[in-house]
């Protein structure tokens, strides 16, 4: 069957160390199954057996970046399967790597593959930067919580709201603690200082890279959105033109309600949370304390009627709507000053 000269369908089950590749015809006839040790050269040689411009599918799983780059460089038409759309694989009585690769290929050739967007390398690099900063901030928050915990063990009351500001730093300098607790405070402060430096470096580098981006500048006109949140919106959304309407962006971010419908019964529940957690956090973080403008008005109006949390989610959707137009057009007409 290796003499088949039509366009081939290739399903790839990618793992950390090894990968299974299944090749078949457009009619579903099996051609070959191989298992390889991961590596760009090995993968490139195997995909070359599939002929010119094969249709290749792999799941958006651990470490897919390098595999997609190798496949595209080899001339393959790559499709990225959305993990949530292929969860049904787990309910088979027999689940193995060969079956997973074969089912991916079958979904592709039948036109039923739930696809995810393949972000280009430049967007991936930007995402790496903003997510790295987010992880560093989370680590720093954990260290600060440890400082508060140590002070609590020694019965130290903290009168200021920010222990790590100027007044808080003077308080920590003047404290007389037992040796073990003092040593831990000193160690934690050194780590926090190091993370402050790394966070600042990443933020400056990201801001410099986005300085000429029109959407990055435009979304900062929205109340509550500064350079950090604007960078998250630009990086995680990527090419906004893949969404035809702002409602699609809100759904992609996981900020729309679940919808369950059967016959005459329709149920709508909490938001789906299917999407980037960082993007969803940024949208909600930006509206936390807003009380002015179209976004703040939405938070107050809906919050008074449905509760504070629902009000923030509604305001987050309103904010993402403005972000959509800012990234698409380079400006937000709803926020522009109208002539008298």
C-alpha atoms as a PDB file:
ATOM      1  CA  UNK A   1       0.000   0.000   0.000  1.00  0.00           C
ATOM      2  CA  UNK A   2       3.016   2.330   0.194  1.00  0.00           C
ATOM      3  CA  UNK A   3       2.623   2.912  -3.567  1.00  0.00           C
ATOM      4  CA  UNK A   4      -0.514   5.016  -2.938  1.00  0.00           C
ATOM      5  CA  UNK A   5       0.021   8.322  -4.784  1.00  0.00           C
ATOM      6  CA  UNK A   6      -3.014  10.313  -3.586  1.00  0.00           C
ATOM      7  CA  UNK A   7      -3.034  12.839  -0.772  1.00  0.00           C
ATOM      8  CA  UNK A   8      -2.491  11.034   2.523  1.00  0.00           C
ATOM      9  CA  UNK A   9      -4.089  11.646   5.918  1.00  0.00           C
ATOM     10  CA  UNK A  10      -1.673  11.386   8.846  1.00  0.00           C
ATOM     11  CA  UNK A  11      -2.666  11.126  12.505  1.00  0.00           C
ATOM     12  CA  UNK A  12       0.009  11.781  15.114  1.00  0.00           C
ATOM     13  CA  UNK A  13      -0.236  10.937  18.809  1.00  0.00           C
ATOM     14  CA  UNK A  14       2.516  13.107  20.278  1.00  0.00           C
ATOM     15  CA  UNK A  15       4.069  12.382  23.667  1.00  0.00           C
ATOM     16  CA  UNK A  16       7.048  13.619  25.611  1.00  0.00           C
ATOM     17  CA  UNK A  17       9.440  10.837  24.573  1.00  0.00           C
ATOM     18  CA  UNK A  18       7.811   8.844  21.764  1.00  0.00           C
ATOM     19  CA  UNK A  19       5.273   9.452  19.054  1.00  0.00           C
ATOM     20  CA  UNK A  20       2.933   7.210  17.057  1.00  0.00           C
ATOM     21  CA  UNK A  21       2.268   8.085  13.402  1.00  0.00           C
ATOM     22  CA  UNK A  22      -0.594   6.527  11.430  1.00  0.00           C
ATOM     23  CA  UNK A  23      -0.874   7.094   7.671  1.00  0.00           C
ATOM     24  CA  UNK A  24      -4.044   6.328   5.717  1.00  0.00           C
ATOM     25  CA  UNK A  25      -5.745   7.148   2.450  1.00  0.00           C
ATOM     26  CA  UNK A  26      -8.566   9.640   2.094  1.00  0.00           C
ATOM     27  CA  UNK A  27     -10.941   6.676   2.005  1.00  0.00           C
ATOM     28  CA  UNK A  28      -9.687   5.479   5.392  1.00  0.00           C
ATOM     29  CA  UNK A  29      -7.515   2.608   4.169  1.00  0.00           C
ATOM     30  CA  UNK A  30      -4.566   2.014   6.460  1.00  0.00           C
ATOM     31  CA  UNK A  31      -1.086   2.490   4.960  1.00  0.00           C
ATOM     32  CA  UNK A  32       1.421   2.370   7.789  1.00  0.00           C
ATOM     33  CA  UNK A  33       1.818   2.728  11.554  1.00  0.00           C
ATOM     34  CA  UNK A  34       5.180   3.624  13.080  1.00  0.00           C
ATOM     35  CA  UNK A  35       6.423   4.531  16.534  1.00  0.00           C
ATOM     36  CA  UNK A  36       9.401   6.888  16.699  1.00  0.00           C
ATOM     37  CA  UNK A  37      11.606   8.457  19.342  1.00  0.00           C
ATOM     38  CA  UNK A  38      10.960  12.174  19.382  1.00  0.00           C
ATOM     39  CA  UNK A  39      13.291  14.422  17.438  1.00  0.00           C
ATOM     40  CA  UNK A  40      12.964  16.945  14.595  1.00  0.00           C
ATOM     41  CA  UNK A  41      15.057  14.900  12.163  1.00  0.00           C
ATOM     42  CA  UNK A  42      13.206  11.634  12.839  1.00  0.00           C
ATOM     43  CA  UNK A  43       9.789  13.254  12.531  1.00  0.00           C
ATOM     44  CA  UNK A  44      10.785  15.045   9.327  1.00  0.00           C
ATOM     45  CA  UNK A  45      11.992  11.814   7.716  1.00  0.00           C
ATOM     46  CA  UNK A  46       8.801   9.961   8.635  1.00  0.00           C
ATOM     47  CA  UNK A  47       6.453  12.663   7.373  1.00  0.00           C
ATOM     48  CA  UNK A  48       8.368  12.740   4.074  1.00  0.00           C
ATOM     49  CA  UNK A  49       7.008   9.225   3.410  1.00  0.00           C
ATOM     50  CA  UNK A  50       3.494  10.693   3.222  1.00  0.00           C
ATOM     51  CA  UNK A  51       4.195  12.370  -0.080  1.00  0.00           C
ATOM     52  CA  UNK A  52       3.529  15.948  -1.102  1.00  0.00           C
ATOM     53  CA  UNK A  53       1.430  18.222   1.161  1.00  0.00           C
ATOM     54  CA  UNK A  54      -0.185  15.532   3.368  1.00  0.00           C
ATOM     55  CA  UNK A  55      -3.002  16.481   5.737  1.00  0.00           C
ATOM     56  CA  UNK A  56      -1.550  16.001   9.227  1.00  0.00           C
ATOM     57  CA  UNK A  57      -3.356  16.210  12.564  1.00  0.00           C
ATOM     58  CA  UNK A  58      -1.996  16.168  16.089  1.00  0.00           C
ATOM     59  CA  UNK A  59      -3.489  17.133  19.410  1.00  0.00           C
ATOM     60  CA  UNK A  60      -2.651  20.434  21.133  1.00  0.00           C
ATOM     61  CA  UNK A  61      -0.787  18.663  23.886  1.00  0.00           C
ATOM     62  CA  UNK A  62       2.557  18.863  25.712  1.00  0.00           C
ATOM     63  CA  UNK A  63       5.295  20.355  23.516  1.00  0.00           C
ATOM     64  CA  UNK A  64       3.383  20.651  20.231  1.00  0.00           C
ATOM     65  CA  UNK A  65       5.295  23.776  19.122  1.00  0.00           C
ATOM     66  CA  UNK A  66       8.368  22.011  17.774  1.00  0.00           C
ATOM     67  CA  UNK A  67       6.355  19.272  16.067  1.00  0.00           C
ATOM     68  CA  UNK A  68       4.133  21.757  14.221  1.00  0.00           C
ATOM     69  CA  UNK A  69       7.175  23.728  13.045  1.00  0.00           C
ATOM     70  CA  UNK A  70       8.861  20.578  11.720  1.00  0.00           C
ATOM     71  CA  UNK A  71       5.700  19.437   9.928  1.00  0.00           C
ATOM     72  CA  UNK A  72       5.066  22.825   8.325  1.00  0.00           C
ATOM     73  CA  UNK A  73       8.685  23.087   7.192  1.00  0.00           C
ATOM     74  CA  UNK A  74       8.250  19.656   5.566  1.00  0.00           C
ATOM     75  CA  UNK A  75       5.326  20.984   3.509  1.00  0.00           C
ATOM     76  CA  UNK A  76       2.504  19.325   5.465  1.00  0.00           C
ATOM     77  CA  UNK A  77      -0.908  20.944   5.957  1.00  0.00           C
ATOM     78  CA  UNK A  78      -1.111  20.828   9.759  1.00  0.00           C
ATOM     79  CA  UNK A  79      -4.307  20.704  11.805  1.00  0.00           C
ATOM     80  CA  UNK A  80      -4.277  21.085  15.596  1.00  0.00           C
ATOM     81  CA  UNK A  81      -6.973  19.115  17.416  1.00  0.00           C
ATOM     82  CA  UNK A  82      -8.560  20.837  20.418  1.00  0.00           C
ATOM     83  CA  UNK A  83      -8.096  18.604  23.504  1.00  0.00           C
ATOM     84  CA  UNK A  84     -11.642  19.224  24.779  1.00  0.00           C
ATOM     85  CA  UNK A  85     -13.113  18.153  21.453  1.00  0.00           C
ATOM     86  CA  UNK A  86     -11.459  14.717  21.502  1.00  0.00           C
ATOM     87  CA  UNK A  87     -12.081  13.807  25.142  1.00  0.00           C
ATOM     88  CA  UNK A  88     -14.317  10.984  23.946  1.00  0.00           C
ATOM     89  CA  UNK A  89     -11.189   8.931  23.298  1.00  0.00           C
ATOM     90  CA  UNK A  90     -10.909   8.331  27.044  1.00  0.00           C
ATOM     91  CA  UNK A  91     -14.232   6.461  27.144  1.00  0.00           C
ATOM     92  CA  UNK A  92     -13.216   3.673  24.772  1.00  0.00           C
ATOM     93  CA  UNK A  93     -12.781   0.215  26.267  1.00  0.00           C
ATOM     94  CA  UNK A  94      -9.419  -0.009  24.524  1.00  0.00           C
ATOM     95  CA  UNK A  95      -7.337   3.154  24.554  1.00  0.00           C
ATOM     96  CA  UNK A  96      -3.800   3.170  23.221  1.00  0.00           C
ATOM     97  CA  UNK A  97      -1.572   5.451  21.192  1.00  0.00           C
ATOM     98  CA  UNK A  98      -2.295   3.733  17.868  1.00  0.00           C
ATOM     99  CA  UNK A  99      -6.070   4.054  18.336  1.00  0.00           C
ATOM    100  CA  UNK A 100      -5.700   7.698  19.342  1.00  0.00           C
ATOM    101  CA  UNK A 101      -3.652   8.529  16.231  1.00  0.00           C
ATOM    102  CA  UNK A 102      -6.050   6.597  13.991  1.00  0.00           C
ATOM    103  CA  UNK A 103      -9.103   8.336  15.439  1.00  0.00           C
ATOM    104  CA  UNK A 104      -7.516  11.749  14.925  1.00  0.00           C
ATOM    105  CA  UNK A 105      -6.893  10.881  11.282  1.00  0.00           C
ATOM    106  CA  UNK A 106     -10.463   9.607  10.878  1.00  0.00           C
ATOM    107  CA  UNK A 107     -11.925  12.801  12.352  1.00  0.00           C
ATOM    108  CA  UNK A 108      -9.829  14.869   9.964  1.00  0.00           C
ATOM    109  CA  UNK A 109     -10.718  12.972   6.796  1.00  0.00           C
ATOM    110  CA  UNK A 110     -14.449  13.014   7.712  1.00  0.00           C
ATOM    111  CA  UNK A 111     -14.378  16.775   8.356  1.00  0.00           C
ATOM    112  CA  UNK A 112     -15.362  16.418  12.011  1.00  0.00           C
ATOM    113  CA  UNK A 113     -12.134  17.490  13.686  1.00  0.00           C
ATOM    114  CA  UNK A 114     -12.505  20.149  16.433  1.00  0.00           C
ATOM    115  CA  UNK A 115      -9.581  22.390  15.521  1.00  0.00           C
ATOM    116  CA  UNK A 116      -7.540  24.788  17.628  1.00  0.00           C
ATOM    117  CA  UNK A 117      -5.730  27.815  16.244  1.00  0.00           C
ATOM    118  CA  UNK A 118      -2.050  27.323  15.451  1.00  0.00           C
ATOM    119  CA  UNK A 119      -0.375  30.441  16.806  1.00  0.00           C
ATOM    120  CA  UNK A 120       2.593  31.597  14.702  1.00  0.00           C
ATOM    121  CA  UNK A 121       6.065  31.640  16.324  1.00  0.00           C
ATOM    122  CA  UNK A 122       5.973  35.398  17.068  1.00  0.00           C
ATOM    123  CA  UNK A 123       2.713  35.060  19.023  1.00  0.00           C
ATOM    124  CA  UNK A 124       4.046  32.010  20.865  1.00  0.00           C
ATOM    125  CA  UNK A 125       7.113  33.969  21.964  1.00  0.00           C
ATOM    126  CA  UNK A 126       4.922  36.810  23.219  1.00  0.00           C
ATOM    127  CA  UNK A 127       2.708  34.369  25.089  1.00  0.00           C
ATOM    128  CA  UNK A 128       5.784  32.803  26.646  1.00  0.00           C
ATOM    129  CA  UNK A 129       6.843  36.194  27.998  1.00  0.00           C
ATOM    130  CA  UNK A 130       3.505  37.192  29.548  1.00  0.00           C
ATOM    131  CA  UNK A 131       2.952  33.737  31.025  1.00  0.00           C
ATOM    132  CA  UNK A 132       6.470  33.717  32.437  1.00  0.00           C
ATOM    133  CA  UNK A 133       5.759  37.024  34.141  1.00  0.00           C
ATOM    134  CA  UNK A 134       2.490  35.664  35.506  1.00  0.00           C
ATOM    135  CA  UNK A 135       4.287  32.653  37.007  1.00  0.00           C
ATOM    136  CA  UNK A 136       6.930  34.891  38.567  1.00  0.00           C
ATOM    137  CA  UNK A 137       4.258  37.106  40.140  1.00  0.00           C
ATOM    138  CA  UNK A 138       2.521  34.021  41.555  1.00  0.00           C
ATOM    139  CA  UNK A 139       5.813  32.845  43.080  1.00  0.00           C
ATOM    140  CA  UNK A 140       6.401  36.289  44.579  1.00  0.00           C
ATOM    141  CA  UNK A 141       2.898  36.361  46.069  1.00  0.00           C
ATOM    142  CA  UNK A 142       3.574  32.997  47.721  1.00  0.00           C
ATOM    143  CA  UNK A 143       6.814  34.313  49.238  1.00  0.00           C
ATOM    144  CA  UNK A 144       5.062  37.424  50.558  1.00  0.00           C
ATOM    145  CA  UNK A 145       2.398  35.248  52.148  1.00  0.00           C
ATOM    146  CA  UNK A 146       5.161  33.309  53.887  1.00  0.00           C
ATOM    147  CA  UNK A 147       6.559  36.549  55.347  1.00  0.00           C
ATOM    148  CA  UNK A 148       3.146  37.391  56.808  1.00  0.00           C
ATOM    149  CA  UNK A 149       2.890  33.862  58.200  1.00  0.00           C
ATOM    150  CA  UNK A 150       6.289  34.101  59.946  1.00  0.00           C
ATOM    151  CA  UNK A 151       5.392  37.452  61.476  1.00  0.00           C
ATOM    152  CA  UNK A 152       2.135  35.963  62.700  1.00  0.00           C
ATOM    153  CA  UNK A 153       4.029  33.209  64.496  1.00  0.00           C
ATOM    154  CA  UNK A 154       6.032  35.866  66.344  1.00  0.00           C
ATOM    155  CA  UNK A 155       2.968  37.934  67.193  1.00  0.00           C
ATOM    156  CA  UNK A 156       3.995  40.899  65.033  1.00  0.00           C
ATOM    157  CA  UNK A 157       1.111  43.133  63.990  1.00  0.00           C
ATOM    158  CA  UNK A 158       1.388  44.792  60.570  1.00  0.00           C
ATOM    159  CA  UNK A 159      -0.262  48.249  60.689  1.00  0.00           C
ATOM    160  CA  UNK A 160       0.277  49.179  57.026  1.00  0.00           C
ATOM    161  CA  UNK A 161      -1.646  47.846  54.013  1.00  0.00           C
ATOM    162  CA  UNK A 162       1.519  47.063  52.046  1.00  0.00           C
ATOM    163  CA  UNK A 163       4.183  45.332  54.086  1.00  0.00           C
ATOM    164  CA  UNK A 164       6.601  45.460  51.160  1.00  0.00           C
ATOM    165  CA  UNK A 165       6.483  49.193  50.561  1.00  0.00           C
ATOM    166  CA  UNK A 166       8.763  51.810  52.103  1.00  0.00           C
ATOM    167  CA  UNK A 167       7.142  51.823  55.552  1.00  0.00           C
ATOM    168  CA  UNK A 168       6.819  48.045  55.568  1.00  0.00           C
ATOM    169  CA  UNK A 169      10.479  47.625  54.660  1.00  0.00           C
ATOM    170  CA  UNK A 170      11.508  49.849  57.580  1.00  0.00           C
ATOM    171  CA  UNK A 171       9.310  47.762  59.894  1.00  0.00           C
ATOM    172  CA  UNK A 172      10.996  44.556  58.741  1.00  0.00           C
ATOM    173  CA  UNK A 173      14.449  46.119  59.122  1.00  0.00           C
ATOM    174  CA  UNK A 174      13.783  47.134  62.732  1.00  0.00           C
ATOM    175  CA  UNK A 175      12.188  43.864  63.897  1.00  0.00           C
ATOM    176  CA  UNK A 176      13.893  41.757  66.540  1.00  0.00           C
ATOM    177  CA  UNK A 177      12.830  38.166  65.960  1.00  0.00           C
ATOM    178  CA  UNK A 178      14.046  34.828  67.232  1.00  0.00           C
ATOM    179  CA  UNK A 179      17.051  33.601  65.177  1.00  0.00           C
ATOM    180  CA  UNK A 180      15.246  30.949  63.107  1.00  0.00           C
ATOM    181  CA  UNK A 181      12.396  33.318  62.192  1.00  0.00           C
ATOM    182  CA  UNK A 182      14.776  36.188  61.477  1.00  0.00           C
ATOM    183  CA  UNK A 183      16.834  34.002  59.147  1.00  0.00           C
ATOM    184  CA  UNK A 184      13.730  32.933  57.267  1.00  0.00           C
ATOM    185  CA  UNK A 185      12.530  36.537  56.865  1.00  0.00           C
ATOM    186  CA  UNK A 186      15.929  37.582  55.512  1.00  0.00           C
ATOM    187  CA  UNK A 187      15.953  34.683  53.062  1.00  0.00           C
ATOM    188  CA  UNK A 188      12.407  35.415  51.863  1.00  0.00           C
ATOM    189  CA  UNK A 189      13.178  39.093  51.342  1.00  0.00           C
ATOM    190  CA  UNK A 190      16.201  38.221  49.211  1.00  0.00           C
ATOM    191  CA  UNK A 191      14.085  35.933  47.061  1.00  0.00           C
ATOM    192  CA  UNK A 192      11.371  38.578  46.712  1.00  0.00           C
ATOM    193  CA  UNK A 193      13.952  41.152  45.650  1.00  0.00           C
ATOM    194  CA  UNK A 194      15.328  38.774  43.030  1.00  0.00           C
ATOM    195  CA  UNK A 195      11.827  38.117  41.672  1.00  0.00           C
ATOM    196  CA  UNK A 196      11.109  41.870  41.601  1.00  0.00           C
ATOM    197  CA  UNK A 197      14.128  42.277  39.333  1.00  0.00           C
ATOM    198  CA  UNK A 198      13.107  39.412  37.004  1.00  0.00           C
ATOM    199  CA  UNK A 199       9.500  40.621  36.777  1.00  0.00           C
ATOM    200  CA  UNK A 200      10.667  44.134  35.898  1.00  0.00           C
ATOM    201  CA  UNK A 201      13.018  42.800  33.201  1.00  0.00           C
ATOM    202  CA  UNK A 202      10.287  40.729  31.554  1.00  0.00           C
ATOM    203  CA  UNK A 203       7.785  43.610  31.718  1.00  0.00           C
ATOM    204  CA  UNK A 204      10.219  46.079  30.143  1.00  0.00           C
ATOM    205  CA  UNK A 205      11.215  43.677  27.377  1.00  0.00           C
ATOM    206  CA  UNK A 206       7.573  42.911  26.548  1.00  0.00           C
ATOM    207  CA  UNK A 207       6.572  46.583  26.545  1.00  0.00           C
ATOM    208  CA  UNK A 208       9.456  47.411  24.206  1.00  0.00           C
ATOM    209  CA  UNK A 209       8.472  44.629  21.814  1.00  0.00           C
ATOM    210  CA  UNK A 210       4.856  45.867  21.705  1.00  0.00           C
ATOM    211  CA  UNK A 211       5.596  49.591  21.615  1.00  0.00           C
ATOM    212  CA  UNK A 212       4.685  49.885  17.930  1.00  0.00           C
ATOM    213  CA  UNK A 213       1.657  47.562  18.110  1.00  0.00           C
ATOM    214  CA  UNK A 214      -1.491  49.669  17.409  1.00  0.00           C
ATOM    215  CA  UNK A 215      -3.791  47.318  19.285  1.00  0.00           C
ATOM    216  CA  UNK A 216      -1.540  47.354  22.345  1.00  0.00           C
ATOM    217  CA  UNK A 217      -1.806  51.138  22.512  1.00  0.00           C
ATOM    218  CA  UNK A 218      -5.521  51.159  21.731  1.00  0.00           C
ATOM    219  CA  UNK A 219      -6.671  48.799  24.481  1.00  0.00           C
ATOM    220  CA  UNK A 220      -4.881  50.893  27.107  1.00  0.00           C
ATOM    221  CA  UNK A 221      -7.529  53.566  26.509  1.00  0.00           C
ATOM    222  CA  UNK A 222      -9.980  51.273  28.347  1.00  0.00           C
ATOM    223  CA  UNK A 223     -10.358  52.074  32.040  1.00  0.00           C
ATOM    224  CA  UNK A 224      -8.586  49.468  34.147  1.00  0.00           C
ATOM    225  CA  UNK A 225      -6.228  48.283  31.387  1.00  0.00           C
ATOM    226  CA  UNK A 226      -2.551  49.159  31.727  1.00  0.00           C
ATOM    227  CA  UNK A 227       0.590  47.917  29.983  1.00  0.00           C
ATOM    228  CA  UNK A 228       0.615  44.535  31.773  1.00  0.00           C
ATOM    229  CA  UNK A 229      -3.003  43.594  31.033  1.00  0.00           C
ATOM    230  CA  UNK A 230      -2.758  45.016  27.508  1.00  0.00           C
ATOM    231  CA  UNK A 231       0.197  42.726  26.809  1.00  0.00           C
ATOM    232  CA  UNK A 232      -1.833  39.731  28.031  1.00  0.00           C
ATOM    233  CA  UNK A 233      -4.729  40.626  25.721  1.00  0.00           C
ATOM    234  CA  UNK A 234      -2.458  41.041  22.694  1.00  0.00           C
ATOM    235  CA  UNK A 235      -0.472  37.859  23.365  1.00  0.00           C
ATOM    236  CA  UNK A 236      -3.276  35.477  24.286  1.00  0.00           C
ATOM    237  CA  UNK A 237      -5.758  36.620  21.641  1.00  0.00           C
ATOM    238  CA  UNK A 238      -3.162  36.782  18.875  1.00  0.00           C
ATOM    239  CA  UNK A 239      -4.792  37.329  15.483  1.00  0.00           C
ATOM    240  CA  UNK A 240      -8.152  38.843  16.424  1.00  0.00           C
ATOM    241  CA  UNK A 241      -9.376  38.643  12.815  1.00  0.00           C
ATOM    242  CA  UNK A 242     -10.087  34.927  13.341  1.00  0.00           C
ATOM    243  CA  UNK A 243     -13.140  36.063  15.346  1.00  0.00           C
ATOM    244  CA  UNK A 244     -15.964  37.561  13.294  1.00  0.00           C
ATOM    245  CA  UNK A 245     -17.782  39.063  16.284  1.00  0.00           C
ATOM    246  CA  UNK A 246     -16.816  40.073  19.846  1.00  0.00           C
ATOM    247  CA  UNK A 247     -19.269  37.467  21.163  1.00  0.00           C
ATOM    248  CA  UNK A 248     -17.042  34.765  19.677  1.00  0.00           C
ATOM    249  CA  UNK A 249     -14.044  36.178  21.516  1.00  0.00           C
ATOM    250  CA  UNK A 250     -15.961  36.150  24.803  1.00  0.00           C
ATOM    251  CA  UNK A 251     -16.973  32.546  24.202  1.00  0.00           C
ATOM    252  CA  UNK A 252     -13.389  31.578  23.310  1.00  0.00           C
ATOM    253  CA  UNK A 253     -12.224  33.181  26.573  1.00  0.00           C
ATOM    254  CA  UNK A 254     -14.696  31.051  28.564  1.00  0.00           C
ATOM    255  CA  UNK A 255     -16.751  34.004  29.808  1.00  0.00           C
ATOM    256  CA  UNK A 256     -20.102  32.878  28.384  1.00  0.00           C
ATOM    257  CA  UNK A 257     -22.675  30.674  30.208  1.00  0.00           C
ATOM    258  CA  UNK A 258     -22.941  26.949  29.669  1.00  0.00           C
ATOM    259  CA  UNK A 259     -25.862  26.013  27.416  1.00  0.00           C
ATOM    260  CA  UNK A 260     -27.656  22.657  27.738  1.00  0.00           C
ATOM    261  CA  UNK A 261     -30.663  22.096  25.514  1.00  0.00           C
ATOM    262  CA  UNK A 262     -32.804  19.010  24.924  1.00  0.00           C
ATOM    263  CA  UNK A 263     -36.279  19.017  23.402  1.00  0.00           C
ATOM    264  CA  UNK A 264     -38.161  21.828  25.183  1.00  0.00           C
ATOM    265  CA  UNK A 265     -35.731  22.077  28.106  1.00  0.00           C
ATOM    266  CA  UNK A 266     -33.016  24.724  28.050  1.00  0.00           C
ATOM    267  CA  UNK A 267     -30.589  25.257  30.917  1.00  0.00           C
ATOM    268  CA  UNK A 268     -27.922  27.922  31.163  1.00  0.00           C
ATOM    269  CA  UNK A 269     -25.447  27.701  33.979  1.00  0.00           C
ATOM    270  CA  UNK A 270     -22.153  29.188  35.086  1.00  0.00           C
ATOM    271  CA  UNK A 271     -19.514  30.365  32.639  1.00  0.00           C
ATOM    272  CA  UNK A 272     -17.735  27.603  30.739  1.00  0.00           C
ATOM    273  CA  UNK A 273     -14.145  28.609  31.688  1.00  0.00           C
ATOM    274  CA  UNK A 274     -13.023  26.959  28.425  1.00  0.00           C
ATOM    275  CA  UNK A 275     -10.119  29.048  27.269  1.00  0.00           C
ATOM    276  CA  UNK A 276      -6.980  30.729  28.496  1.00  0.00           C
ATOM    277  CA  UNK A 277      -7.114  31.140  32.303  1.00  0.00           C
ATOM    278  CA  UNK A 278      -4.712  34.071  32.059  1.00  0.00           C
ATOM    279  CA  UNK A 279      -6.894  35.912  29.540  1.00  0.00           C
ATOM    280  CA  UNK A 280      -9.993  35.311  31.664  1.00  0.00           C
ATOM    281  CA  UNK A 281      -8.171  36.519  34.782  1.00  0.00           C
ATOM    282  CA  UNK A 282      -7.006  39.669  32.987  1.00  0.00           C
ATOM    283  CA  UNK A 283     -10.542  40.539  31.867  1.00  0.00           C
ATOM    284  CA  UNK A 284     -11.961  40.130  35.387  1.00  0.00           C
ATOM    285  CA  UNK A 285      -8.976  41.794  37.078  1.00  0.00           C
ATOM    286  CA  UNK A 286      -9.388  44.904  34.921  1.00  0.00           C
ATOM    287  CA  UNK A 287     -12.992  45.463  36.045  1.00  0.00           C
ATOM    288  CA  UNK A 288     -12.636  44.699  39.769  1.00  0.00           C
ATOM    289  CA  UNK A 289     -13.067  48.265  41.000  1.00  0.00           C
ATOM    290  CA  UNK A 290     -14.313  50.118  37.942  1.00  0.00           C
ATOM    291  CA  UNK A 291     -17.262  52.427  38.548  1.00  0.00           C
ATOM    292  CA  UNK A 292     -17.109  54.707  35.493  1.00  0.00           C
ATOM    293  CA  UNK A 293     -17.311  54.374  31.752  1.00  0.00           C
ATOM    294  CA  UNK A 294     -19.304  51.730  29.862  1.00  0.00           C
ATOM    295  CA  UNK A 295     -17.497  48.848  31.576  1.00  0.00           C
ATOM    296  CA  UNK A 296     -17.892  50.220  35.103  1.00  0.00           C
ATOM    297  CA  UNK A 297     -21.538  51.059  34.481  1.00  0.00           C
ATOM    298  CA  UNK A 298     -22.163  47.466  33.382  1.00  0.00           C
ATOM    299  CA  UNK A 299     -20.516  46.095  36.536  1.00  0.00           C
ATOM    300  CA  UNK A 300     -22.616  48.315  38.816  1.00  0.00           C
ATOM    301  CA  UNK A 301     -25.907  47.822  36.960  1.00  0.00           C
ATOM    302  CA  UNK A 302     -25.699  44.038  36.628  1.00  0.00           C
ATOM    303  CA  UNK A 303     -24.113  43.645  40.060  1.00  0.00           C
ATOM    304  CA  UNK A 304     -26.984  45.465  41.755  1.00  0.00           C
ATOM    305  CA  UNK A 305     -29.483  43.149  40.087  1.00  0.00           C
ATOM    306  CA  UNK A 306     -27.674  39.791  39.950  1.00  0.00           C
ATOM    307  CA  UNK A 307     -24.850  39.995  42.504  1.00  0.00           C
ATOM    308  CA  UNK A 308     -21.261  41.251  42.527  1.00  0.00           C
ATOM    309  CA  UNK A 309     -19.633  38.224  40.844  1.00  0.00           C
ATOM    310  CA  UNK A 310     -22.107  38.113  37.959  1.00  0.00           C
ATOM    311  CA  UNK A 311     -21.678  41.845  37.553  1.00  0.00           C
ATOM    312  CA  UNK A 312     -17.915  41.437  37.196  1.00  0.00           C
ATOM    313  CA  UNK A 313     -18.331  38.684  34.600  1.00  0.00           C
ATOM    314  CA  UNK A 314     -20.753  40.845  32.606  1.00  0.00           C
ATOM    315  CA  UNK A 315     -18.293  43.740  32.806  1.00  0.00           C
ATOM    316  CA  UNK A 316     -15.492  41.386  31.724  1.00  0.00           C
ATOM    317  CA  UNK A 317     -17.468  40.509  28.591  1.00  0.00           C
ATOM    318  CA  UNK A 318     -18.077  44.206  27.926  1.00  0.00           C
ATOM    319  CA  UNK A 319     -14.367  44.877  28.325  1.00  0.00           C
ATOM    320  CA  UNK A 320     -13.434  42.059  25.941  1.00  0.00           C
ATOM    321  CA  UNK A 321     -15.857  43.537  23.427  1.00  0.00           C
ATOM    322  CA  UNK A 322     -13.923  46.811  23.551  1.00  0.00           C
ATOM    323  CA  UNK A 323     -10.635  44.886  23.370  1.00  0.00           C
ATOM    324  CA  UNK A 324     -11.904  43.132  20.228  1.00  0.00           C
ATOM    325  CA  UNK A 325     -12.495  46.437  18.427  1.00  0.00           C
ATOM    326  CA  UNK A 326      -9.251  47.916  19.743  1.00  0.00           C
ATOM    327  CA  UNK A 327      -7.181  45.023  18.388  1.00  0.00           C
ATOM    328  CA  UNK A 328      -9.125  44.855  15.123  1.00  0.00           C
ATOM    329  CA  UNK A 329      -9.225  48.577  14.267  1.00  0.00           C
ATOM    330  CA  UNK A 330      -6.286  50.013  16.204  1.00  0.00           C
ATOM    331  CA  UNK A 331      -8.676  52.350  18.041  1.00  0.00           C
ATOM    332  CA  UNK A 332     -11.959  52.134  19.972  1.00  0.00           C
ATOM    333  CA  UNK A 333     -14.622  54.436  18.571  1.00  0.00           C
ATOM    334  CA  UNK A 334     -16.926  53.948  21.578  1.00  0.00           C
ATOM    335  CA  UNK A 335     -14.301  55.604  23.784  1.00  0.00           C
ATOM    336  CA  UNK A 336     -13.354  58.425  21.429  1.00  0.00           C
ATOM    337  CA  UNK A 337     -14.407  61.964  22.309  1.00  0.00           C
ATOM    338  CA  UNK A 338     -17.466  63.000  20.369  1.00  0.00           C
ATOM    339  CA  UNK A 339     -17.729  66.564  18.983  1.00  0.00           C
ATOM    340  CA  UNK A 340     -20.160  68.858  20.755  1.00  0.00           C
END
